[in-house]
Amino acid sequence: MSGYEKHKERQEALSRLGRPLARRSGTICELCSAQGVPLRPWEIPPVKGAPELEKTLFLCDTCIRGIEGGPLDLDHWRALETSMWSEVPGVKVVSIRMLRRMSQEG
């Protein structure tokens, strides 16, 4: 199987998680609580095996860019104060990772 085919297959598997993610998140970004913006599944690294609901978050593009090393708009990330107390373990983990990164970057 080519790299493209593997990528396409993984994206299809992730898209099947869309409905359960929307239900879990209430169709708001699980990190910043943005509403009315496009959300997409994002897997918590390290990614191994088939996509799993417990290791996938429903996030806005601004959060995804920030998590993946893009510039941080500190006003956008104020919601981490709330999301770090989420009942979803993955949301807690990513919230704490982002808070640590922001602390290290000053």
Protein backbone atom coordinates (compact mmCIF):
# COMPACT_ATOMS: atom_id res chain seq x y z
CA MET A 1 0.00 0.00 0.00
CA SER A 2 1.38 3.40 -0.97
CA GLY A 3 1.91 6.24 1.47
CA TYR A 4 -0.97 8.12 -0.13
CA GLU A 5 -3.31 5.15 0.29
CA LYS A 6 -2.29 4.73 3.94
CA HIS A 7 -2.88 8.43 4.58
CA LYS A 8 -6.27 8.33 2.85
CA GLU A 9 -7.28 5.25 4.85
CA ARG A 10 -6.26 6.91 8.13
CA GLN A 11 -8.19 10.09 7.25
CA GLU A 12 -11.28 7.99 6.53
CA ALA A 13 -10.89 6.24 9.90
CA LEU A 14 -10.57 9.63 11.61
CA SER A 15 -13.65 10.96 9.82
CA ARG A 16 -15.65 8.03 11.23
CA LEU A 17 -14.85 9.42 14.68
CA GLY A 18 -16.45 12.75 13.75
CA ARG A 19 -19.92 11.98 15.05
CA PRO A 20 -18.79 10.56 18.42
CA LEU A 21 -16.36 13.50 18.81
CA ALA A 22 -19.11 16.00 18.04
CA ARG A 23 -21.35 14.31 20.60
CA ARG A 24 -18.61 14.30 23.25
CA SER A 25 -17.56 17.91 22.64
CA GLY A 26 -21.01 19.39 22.09
CA THR A 27 -19.60 20.65 18.74
CA ILE A 28 -17.24 23.11 20.42
CA CYS A 29 -13.45 23.02 20.35
CA GLU A 30 -12.35 20.80 23.21
CA LEU A 31 -9.45 23.10 24.12
CA CYS A 32 -10.56 26.69 23.53
CA SER A 33 -14.36 26.22 23.54
CA ALA A 34 -14.72 28.03 20.18
CA GLN A 35 -18.22 27.69 18.74
CA GLY A 36 -19.43 28.09 15.20
CA VAL A 37 -16.03 27.34 13.67
CA PRO A 38 -14.96 24.29 11.68
CA LEU A 39 -13.66 21.50 13.92
CA ARG A 40 -11.67 18.46 12.93
CA PRO A 41 -10.29 15.37 14.60
CA TRP A 42 -6.71 15.68 15.87
CA GLU A 43 -4.78 12.71 17.23
CA ILE A 44 -2.65 13.02 20.35
CA PRO A 45 0.90 11.90 19.58
CA PRO A 46 2.43 9.42 19.54
CA VAL A 47 0.06 7.96 16.94
CA LYS A 48 0.14 4.17 16.74
CA GLY A 49 -2.35 1.77 15.25
CA ALA A 50 -5.89 2.67 14.28
CA PRO A 51 -7.35 6.02 15.42
CA GLU A 52 -9.01 5.79 18.83
CA LEU A 53 -11.69 8.07 20.26
CA GLU A 54 -9.84 8.33 23.58
CA LYS A 55 -6.70 9.57 21.83
CA THR A 56 -8.43 11.98 19.46
CA LEU A 57 -9.69 15.51 20.16
CA PHE A 58 -12.15 17.69 18.24
CA LEU A 59 -10.29 20.98 17.67
CA CYS A 60 -10.42 24.24 15.74
CA ASP A 61 -7.69 25.11 13.25
CA THR A 62 -6.20 27.78 15.56
CA CYS A 63 -5.66 25.20 18.31
CA ILE A 64 -4.22 22.66 15.88
CA ARG A 65 -1.75 25.21 14.48
CA GLY A 66 -0.66 26.18 18.00
CA ILE A 67 -0.27 22.60 19.17
CA GLU A 68 1.76 21.73 16.10
CA GLY A 69 4.27 24.50 16.85
CA GLY A 70 2.72 27.54 15.20
CA PRO A 71 2.62 30.99 16.77
CA LEU A 72 0.66 31.28 20.00
CA ASP A 73 -2.02 33.92 20.42
CA LEU A 74 -2.14 34.04 24.22
CA ASP A 75 -5.68 35.43 24.25
CA HIS A 76 -6.84 32.38 22.32
CA TRP A 77 -5.33 30.03 24.90
CA ARG A 78 -6.95 31.57 28.00
CA ALA A 79 -9.52 28.76 27.88
CA LEU A 80 -6.83 26.28 28.94
CA GLU A 81 -7.58 27.38 32.51
CA THR A 82 -10.90 25.58 32.09
CA SER A 83 -10.04 22.79 29.65
CA MET A 84 -7.27 21.45 31.88
CA TRP A 85 -10.05 20.31 34.26
CA SER A 86 -11.93 18.41 31.53
CA GLU A 87 -13.25 14.93 32.26
CA VAL A 88 -11.66 13.79 28.98
CA PRO A 89 -8.11 12.60 29.78
CA GLY A 90 -6.73 13.61 26.37
CA VAL A 91 -8.00 17.17 26.77
CA LYS A 92 -6.22 17.38 30.14
CA VAL A 93 -2.97 16.07 28.69
CA VAL A 94 -2.90 18.47 25.74
CA SER A 95 -3.98 21.41 27.92
CA ILE A 96 -1.11 20.80 30.32
CA ARG A 97 1.36 20.36 27.44
CA MET A 98 0.28 23.70 25.99
CA LEU A 99 0.45 25.46 29.37
CA ARG A 100 3.99 24.15 29.82
CA ARG A 101 4.98 25.30 26.34
CA MET A 102 3.56 28.76 26.97
CA SER A 103 5.40 28.94 30.29
CA GLN A 104 8.70 27.95 28.65
CA GLU A 105 8.26 30.48 25.83
CA GLY A 106 7.48 33.24 28.30
